[in-house]
PDB file of all heavy atoms in Angstrom:
ATOM      1  N   ARG A   1     122.061  -6.119 -53.494  1.00  0.00           N
ATOM      2  CA  ARG A   1     121.690  -6.953 -52.503  1.00  0.00           C
ATOM      3  C   ARG A   1     120.940  -6.259 -51.406  1.00  0.00           C
ATOM      4  O   ARG A   1     119.929  -6.655 -50.757  1.00  0.00           O
ATOM      5  CB  ARG A   1     122.935  -7.655 -51.810  1.00  0.00           C
ATOM      6  CG  ARG A   1     123.527  -8.687 -52.796  1.00  0.00           C
ATOM      7  CD  ARG A   1     124.546  -9.541 -52.040  1.00  0.00           C
ATOM      8  NE  ARG A   1     125.578  -8.613 -51.416  1.00  0.00           N
ATOM      9  CZ  ARG A   1     126.634  -8.249 -52.053  1.00  0.00           C
ATOM     10  NH1 ARG A   1     126.866  -8.575 -53.278  1.00  0.00           N
ATOM     11  NH2 ARG A   1     127.606  -7.483 -51.410  1.00  0.00           N
ATOM     12  N   GLY A   2     121.481  -4.997 -50.980  1.00  0.00           N
ATOM     13  CA  GLY A   2     120.795  -4.247 -49.995  1.00  0.00           C
ATOM     14  C   GLY A   2     119.477  -3.786 -50.276  1.00  0.00           C
ATOM     15  O   GLY A   2     118.498  -3.915 -49.394  1.00  0.00           O
ATOM     16  N   VAL A   3     119.257  -3.328 -51.449  1.00  0.00           N
ATOM     17  CA  VAL A   3     117.948  -2.852 -51.884  1.00  0.00           C
ATOM     18  C   VAL A   3     116.939  -4.126 -51.933  1.00  0.00           C
ATOM     19  O   VAL A   3     115.803  -4.041 -51.498  1.00  0.00           O
ATOM     20  CB  VAL A   3     117.990  -2.203 -53.279  1.00  0.00           C
ATOM     21  CG1 VAL A   3     116.547  -1.857 -53.793  1.00  0.00           C
ATOM     22  CG2 VAL A   3     118.810  -0.871 -53.174  1.00  0.00           C
ATOM     23  N   ALA A   4     117.392  -5.157 -52.517  1.00  0.00           N
ATOM     24  CA  ALA A   4     116.614  -6.420 -52.553  1.00  0.00           C
ATOM     25  C   ALA A   4     116.150  -6.901 -51.278  1.00  0.00           C
ATOM     26  O   ALA A   4     115.056  -7.422 -51.116  1.00  0.00           O
ATOM     27  CB  ALA A   4     117.358  -7.607 -53.308  1.00  0.00           C
ATOM     28  N   ALA A   5     116.985  -6.725 -50.212  1.00  0.00           N
ATOM     29  CA  ALA A   5     116.636  -7.154 -48.877  1.00  0.00           C
ATOM     30  C   ALA A   5     115.432  -6.363 -48.333  1.00  0.00           C
ATOM     31  O   ALA A   5     114.790  -6.882 -47.325  1.00  0.00           O
ATOM     32  CB  ALA A   5     117.765  -6.968 -47.895  1.00  0.00           C
ATOM     33  N   THR A   6     115.092  -5.234 -48.909  1.00  0.00           N
ATOM     34  CA  THR A   6     113.995  -4.418 -48.412  1.00  0.00           C
ATOM     35  C   THR A   6     112.644  -4.581 -49.282  1.00  0.00           C
ATOM     36  O   THR A   6     111.768  -3.971 -48.988  1.00  0.00           O
ATOM     37  CB  THR A   6     114.354  -2.884 -48.521  1.00  0.00           C
ATOM     38  OG1 THR A   6     114.487  -2.417 -49.809  1.00  0.00           O
ATOM     39  CG2 THR A   6     115.663  -2.582 -47.662  1.00  0.00           C
ATOM     40  N   LEU A   7     112.845  -5.494 -50.182  1.00  0.00           N
ATOM     41  CA  LEU A   7     111.566  -5.828 -50.962  1.00  0.00           C
ATOM     42  C   LEU A   7     110.611  -6.730 -50.204  1.00  0.00           C
ATOM     43  O   LEU A   7     110.965  -7.537 -49.381  1.00  0.00           O
ATOM     44  CB  LEU A   7     111.966  -6.549 -52.252  1.00  0.00           C
ATOM     45  CG  LEU A   7     112.635  -5.799 -53.364  1.00  0.00           C
ATOM     46  CD1 LEU A   7     113.215  -6.714 -54.417  1.00  0.00           C
ATOM     47  CD2 LEU A   7     111.689  -4.841 -54.038  1.00  0.00           C
ATOM     48  N   PRO A   8     109.290  -6.496 -50.481  1.00  0.00           N
ATOM     49  CA  PRO A   8     108.270  -7.425 -49.889  1.00  0.00           C
ATOM     50  C   PRO A   8     108.552  -8.859 -50.357  1.00  0.00           C
ATOM     51  O   PRO A   8     109.040  -9.099 -51.330  1.00  0.00           O
ATOM     52  CB  PRO A   8     107.009  -6.849 -50.359  1.00  0.00           C
ATOM     53  CG  PRO A   8     107.201  -5.479 -50.798  1.00  0.00           C
ATOM     54  CD  PRO A   8     108.576  -5.465 -51.242  1.00  0.00           C
ATOM     55  N   ASP A   9     108.183  -9.818 -49.537  1.00  0.00           N
ATOM     56  CA  ASP A   9     108.313 -11.197 -49.745  1.00  0.00           C
ATOM     57  C   ASP A   9     107.726 -11.687 -51.104  1.00  0.00           C
ATOM     58  O   ASP A   9     108.182 -12.705 -51.671  1.00  0.00           O
ATOM     59  CB  ASP A   9     107.932 -12.149 -48.601  1.00  0.00           C
ATOM     60  CG  ASP A   9     108.770 -11.794 -47.412  1.00  0.00           C
ATOM     61  OD1 ASP A   9     110.004 -11.438 -47.446  1.00  0.00           O
ATOM     62  OD2 ASP A   9     108.291 -12.181 -46.256  1.00  0.00           O
ATOM     63  N   ASP A  10     106.576 -11.034 -51.501  1.00  0.00           N
ATOM     64  CA  ASP A  10     105.739 -11.517 -52.627  1.00  0.00           C
ATOM     65  C   ASP A  10     106.383 -10.987 -53.892  1.00  0.00           C
ATOM     66  O   ASP A  10     105.827 -11.269 -55.030  1.00  0.00           O
ATOM     67  CB  ASP A  10     104.294 -11.157 -52.535  1.00  0.00           C
ATOM     68  CG  ASP A  10     104.076  -9.644 -52.494  1.00  0.00           C
ATOM     69  OD1 ASP A  10     105.071  -8.882 -52.320  1.00  0.00           O
ATOM     70  OD2 ASP A  10     102.899  -9.271 -52.626  1.00  0.00           O
ATOM     71  N   VAL A  11     107.518 -10.271 -53.944  1.00  0.00           N
ATOM     72  CA  VAL A  11     108.014  -9.702 -55.200  1.00  0.00           C
ATOM     73  C   VAL A  11     108.854 -10.799 -55.886  1.00  0.00           C
ATOM     74  O   VAL A  11     109.742 -11.497 -55.246  1.00  0.00           O
ATOM     75  CB  VAL A  11     108.892  -8.529 -55.010  1.00  0.00           C
ATOM     76  CG1 VAL A  11     109.725  -8.111 -56.290  1.00  0.00           C
ATOM     77  CG2 VAL A  11     108.043  -7.315 -54.589  1.00  0.00           C
ATOM     78  N   ASP A  12     108.431 -11.169 -57.091  1.00  0.00           N
ATOM     79  CA  ASP A  12     109.098 -12.179 -57.841  1.00  0.00           C
ATOM     80  C   ASP A  12     110.001 -11.468 -59.011  1.00  0.00           C
ATOM     81  O   ASP A  12     109.382 -10.849 -59.889  1.00  0.00           O
ATOM     82  CB  ASP A  12     108.079 -13.074 -58.444  1.00  0.00           C
ATOM     83  CG  ASP A  12     108.821 -14.178 -59.393  1.00  0.00           C
ATOM     84  OD1 ASP A  12     110.036 -14.255 -59.440  1.00  0.00           O
ATOM     85  OD2 ASP A  12     107.943 -14.994 -59.903  1.00  0.00           O
ATOM     86  N   ALA A  13     111.264 -11.616 -58.905  1.00  0.00           N
ATOM     87  CA  ALA A  13     112.119 -10.965 -59.785  1.00  0.00           C
ATOM     88  C   ALA A  13     112.037 -11.345 -61.233  1.00  0.00           C
ATOM     89  O   ALA A  13     112.411 -10.680 -62.188  1.00  0.00           O
ATOM     90  CB  ALA A  13     113.689 -11.001 -59.388  1.00  0.00           C
ATOM     91  N   THR A  14     111.368 -12.638 -61.385  1.00  0.00           N
ATOM     92  CA  THR A  14     111.167 -13.090 -62.741  1.00  0.00           C
ATOM     93  C   THR A  14     109.836 -12.593 -63.459  1.00  0.00           C
ATOM     94  O   THR A  14     109.631 -12.800 -64.573  1.00  0.00           O
ATOM     95  CB  THR A  14     111.128 -14.619 -62.818  1.00  0.00           C
ATOM     96  OG1 THR A  14     110.032 -15.113 -62.064  1.00  0.00           O
ATOM     97  CG2 THR A  14     112.446 -15.156 -62.094  1.00  0.00           C
ATOM     98  N   ASP A  15     109.124 -11.826 -62.584  1.00  0.00           N
ATOM     99  CA  ASP A  15     107.864 -11.220 -63.167  1.00  0.00           C
ATOM    100  C   ASP A  15     108.180 -10.023 -63.939  1.00  0.00           C
ATOM    101  O   ASP A  15     108.922  -9.138 -63.560  1.00  0.00           O
ATOM    102  CB  ASP A  15     106.958 -10.828 -61.924  1.00  0.00           C
ATOM    103  CG  ASP A  15     105.660 -10.124 -62.391  1.00  0.00           C
ATOM    104  OD1 ASP A  15     105.455 -10.040 -63.467  1.00  0.00           O
ATOM    105  OD2 ASP A  15     104.845  -9.918 -61.433  1.00  0.00           O
ATOM    106  N   PRO A  16     107.756  -9.950 -65.217  1.00  0.00           N
ATOM    107  CA  PRO A  16     108.063  -8.782 -66.118  1.00  0.00           C
ATOM    108  C   PRO A  16     107.698  -7.441 -65.365  1.00  0.00           C
ATOM    109  O   PRO A  16     108.373  -6.431 -65.674  1.00  0.00           O
ATOM    110  CB  PRO A  16     107.254  -9.140 -67.342  1.00  0.00           C
ATOM    111  CG  PRO A  16     107.126 -10.578 -67.388  1.00  0.00           C
ATOM    112  CD  PRO A  16     106.994 -10.973 -65.922  1.00  0.00           C
ATOM    113  N   ASP A  17     106.631  -7.525 -64.545  1.00  0.00           N
ATOM    114  CA  ASP A  17     106.133  -6.265 -63.945  1.00  0.00           C
ATOM    115  C   ASP A  17     106.957  -5.952 -62.660  1.00  0.00           C
ATOM    116  O   ASP A  17     106.663  -4.992 -61.915  1.00  0.00           O
ATOM    117  CB  ASP A  17     104.642  -6.363 -63.694  1.00  0.00           C
ATOM    118  CG  ASP A  17     103.853  -6.060 -64.897  1.00  0.00           C
ATOM    119  OD1 ASP A  17     104.446  -5.537 -65.923  1.00  0.00           O
ATOM    120  OD2 ASP A  17     102.597  -6.182 -64.892  1.00  0.00           O
ATOM    121  N   ALA A  18     107.990  -6.815 -62.395  1.00  0.00           N
ATOM    122  CA  ALA A  18     108.888  -6.547 -61.229  1.00  0.00           C
ATOM    123  C   ALA A  18     110.333  -6.529 -61.760  1.00  0.00           C
ATOM    124  O   ALA A  18     111.248  -6.773 -61.001  1.00  0.00           O
ATOM    125  CB  ALA A  18     108.603  -7.473 -60.104  1.00  0.00           C
ATOM    126  N   PHE A  19     110.454  -6.221 -63.012  1.00  0.00           N
ATOM    127  CA  PHE A  19     111.779  -6.239 -63.598  1.00  0.00           C
ATOM    128  C   PHE A  19     112.722  -5.246 -63.038  1.00  0.00           C
ATOM    129  O   PHE A  19     114.016  -5.537 -62.833  1.00  0.00           O
ATOM    130  CB  PHE A  19     111.702  -5.860 -65.165  1.00  0.00           C
ATOM    131  CG  PHE A  19     112.977  -5.886 -65.801  1.00  0.00           C
ATOM    132  CD1 PHE A  19     113.529  -6.985 -66.420  1.00  0.00           C
ATOM    133  CD2 PHE A  19     113.654  -4.660 -66.072  1.00  0.00           C
ATOM    134  CE1 PHE A  19     114.763  -7.013 -67.138  1.00  0.00           C
ATOM    135  CE2 PHE A  19     114.925  -4.701 -66.706  1.00  0.00           C
ATOM    136  CZ  PHE A  19     115.453  -5.792 -67.221  1.00  0.00           C
ATOM    137  N   ALA A  20     112.220  -4.134 -62.597  1.00  0.00           N
ATOM    138  CA  ALA A  20     113.077  -3.060 -62.026  1.00  0.00           C
ATOM    139  C   ALA A  20     112.554  -2.630 -60.690  1.00  0.00           C
ATOM    140  O   ALA A  20     111.288  -2.732 -60.338  1.00  0.00           O
ATOM    141  CB  ALA A  20     113.269  -1.834 -62.854  1.00  0.00           C
ATOM    142  N   THR A  21     113.480  -2.165 -59.775  1.00  0.00           N
ATOM    143  CA  THR A  21     113.100  -1.704 -58.461  1.00  0.00           C
ATOM    144  C   THR A  21     113.308  -0.206 -58.299  1.00  0.00           C
ATOM    145  O   THR A  21     114.367   0.262 -58.735  1.00  0.00           O
ATOM    146  CB  THR A  21     113.832  -2.400 -57.366  1.00  0.00           C
ATOM    147  OG1 THR A  21     113.551  -3.861 -57.414  1.00  0.00           O
ATOM    148  CG2 THR A  21     113.428  -1.924 -55.977  1.00  0.00           C
ATOM    149  N   VAL A  22     112.367   0.489 -57.873  1.00  0.00           N
ATOM    150  CA  VAL A  22     112.500   1.879 -57.543  1.00  0.00           C
ATOM    151  C   VAL A  22     112.866   2.070 -56.051  1.00  0.00           C
ATOM    152  O   VAL A  22     112.272   1.461 -55.223  1.00  0.00           O
ATOM    153  CB  VAL A  22     111.167   2.684 -57.693  1.00  0.00           C
ATOM    154  CG1 VAL A  22     111.331   4.244 -57.563  1.00  0.00           C
ATOM    155  CG2 VAL A  22     110.557   2.450 -59.129  1.00  0.00           C
ATOM    156  N   SER A  23     113.919   2.858 -55.825  1.00  0.00           N
ATOM    157  CA  SER A  23     114.441   2.859 -54.426  1.00  0.00           C
ATOM    158  C   SER A  23     114.876   4.319 -54.095  1.00  0.00           C
ATOM    159  O   SER A  23     115.221   5.091 -55.011  1.00  0.00           O
ATOM    160  CB  SER A  23     115.540   1.835 -54.071  1.00  0.00           C
ATOM    161  OG  SER A  23     116.652   2.212 -54.949  1.00  0.00           O
ATOM    162  N   LEU A  24     114.899   4.554 -52.783  1.00  0.00           N
ATOM    163  CA  LEU A  24     115.347   5.850 -52.294  1.00  0.00           C
ATOM    164  C   LEU A  24     116.335   5.557 -51.158  1.00  0.00           C
ATOM    165  O   LEU A  24     115.985   4.881 -50.145  1.00  0.00           O
ATOM    166  CB  LEU A  24     114.189   6.773 -51.720  1.00  0.00           C
ATOM    167  CG  LEU A  24     114.583   8.123 -51.049  1.00  0.00           C
ATOM    168  CD1 LEU A  24     115.462   8.945 -51.974  1.00  0.00           C
ATOM    169  CD2 LEU A  24     113.327   8.696 -50.511  1.00  0.00           C
ATOM    170  N   ASP A  25     117.582   6.059 -51.342  1.00  0.00           N
ATOM    171  CA  ASP A  25     118.683   5.733 -50.318  1.00  0.00           C
ATOM    172  C   ASP A  25     118.684   4.310 -49.908  1.00  0.00           C
ATOM    173  O   ASP A  25     118.908   3.996 -48.766  1.00  0.00           O
ATOM    174  CB  ASP A  25     118.253   6.758 -49.053  1.00  0.00           C
ATOM    175  CG  ASP A  25     118.317   8.202 -49.467  1.00  0.00           C
ATOM    176  OD1 ASP A  25     119.029   8.547 -50.405  1.00  0.00           O
ATOM    177  OD2 ASP A  25     117.758   8.929 -48.689  1.00  0.00           O
ATOM    178  N   GLY A  26     118.579   3.455 -50.946  1.00  0.00           N
ATOM    179  CA  GLY A  26     118.808   1.990 -50.698  1.00  0.00           C
ATOM    180  C   GLY A  26     117.531   1.297 -50.243  1.00  0.00           C
ATOM    181  O   GLY A  26     117.625   0.005 -49.880  1.00  0.00           O
ATOM    182  N   VAL A  27     116.389   1.915 -50.101  1.00  0.00           N
ATOM    183  CA  VAL A  27     115.176   1.315 -49.629  1.00  0.00           C
ATOM    184  C   VAL A  27     114.152   1.166 -50.826  1.00  0.00           C
ATOM    185  O   VAL A  27     113.867   2.213 -51.360  1.00  0.00           O
ATOM    186  CB  VAL A  27     114.494   2.063 -48.401  1.00  0.00           C
ATOM    187  CG1 VAL A  27     113.219   1.356 -48.046  1.00  0.00           C
ATOM    188  CG2 VAL A  27     115.480   2.133 -47.248  1.00  0.00           C
ATOM    189  N   ALA A  28     113.726  -0.028 -51.019  1.00  0.00           N
ATOM    190  CA  ALA A  28     112.850  -0.285 -52.096  1.00  0.00           C
ATOM    191  C   ALA A  28     111.491   0.305 -51.859  1.00  0.00           C
ATOM    192  O   ALA A  28     110.888   0.179 -50.713  1.00  0.00           O
ATOM    193  CB  ALA A  28     112.586  -1.708 -52.394  1.00  0.00           C
ATOM    194  N   LEU A  29     110.901   1.087 -52.893  1.00  0.00           N
ATOM    195  CA  LEU A  29     109.664   1.708 -52.792  1.00  0.00           C
ATOM    196  C   LEU A  29     108.627   1.115 -53.674  1.00  0.00           C
ATOM    197  O   LEU A  29     107.425   1.092 -53.417  1.00  0.00           O
ATOM    198  CB  LEU A  29     109.742   3.174 -53.088  1.00  0.00           C
ATOM    199  CG  LEU A  29     110.769   3.975 -52.357  1.00  0.00           C
ATOM    200  CD1 LEU A  29     110.758   5.408 -52.877  1.00  0.00           C
ATOM    201  CD2 LEU A  29     110.421   4.077 -50.869  1.00  0.00           C
ATOM    202  N   ALA A  30     108.996   0.516 -54.825  1.00  0.00           N
ATOM    203  CA  ALA A  30     108.141   0.115 -55.781  1.00  0.00           C
ATOM    204  C   ALA A  30     108.860  -0.867 -56.797  1.00  0.00           C
ATOM    205  O   ALA A  30     110.142  -0.827 -56.845  1.00  0.00           O
ATOM    206  CB  ALA A  30     107.528   1.216 -56.680  1.00  0.00           C
ATOM    207  N   VAL A  31     108.156  -1.590 -57.525  1.00  0.00           N
ATOM    208  CA  VAL A  31     108.650  -2.355 -58.697  1.00  0.00           C
ATOM    209  C   VAL A  31     107.869  -1.991 -59.978  1.00  0.00           C
ATOM    210  O   VAL A  31     106.747  -1.579 -59.898  1.00  0.00           O
ATOM    211  CB  VAL A  31     108.653  -3.957 -58.428  1.00  0.00           C
ATOM    212  CG1 VAL A  31     109.618  -4.265 -57.337  1.00  0.00           C
ATOM    213  CG2 VAL A  31     107.200  -4.362 -58.101  1.00  0.00           C
ATOM    214  N   CYS A  32     108.555  -2.291 -61.046  1.00  0.00           N
ATOM    215  CA  CYS A  32     107.862  -1.915 -62.322  1.00  0.00           C
ATOM    216  C   CYS A  32     108.396  -2.775 -63.437  1.00  0.00           C
ATOM    217  O   CYS A  32     109.292  -3.524 -63.303  1.00  0.00           O
ATOM    218  CB  CYS A  32     108.142  -0.370 -62.626  1.00  0.00           C
ATOM    219  SG  CYS A  32     109.872   0.073 -62.996  1.00  0.00           S
TER     220      CYS A  32
END
């Protein structure tokens, strides 16, 4: 939940290219 709260609003978790989140110390940096 904490990492998800730092994602941009346009990230759709159902998008195959946003299946996973890259984060550092709980802050999202990228999706893949």
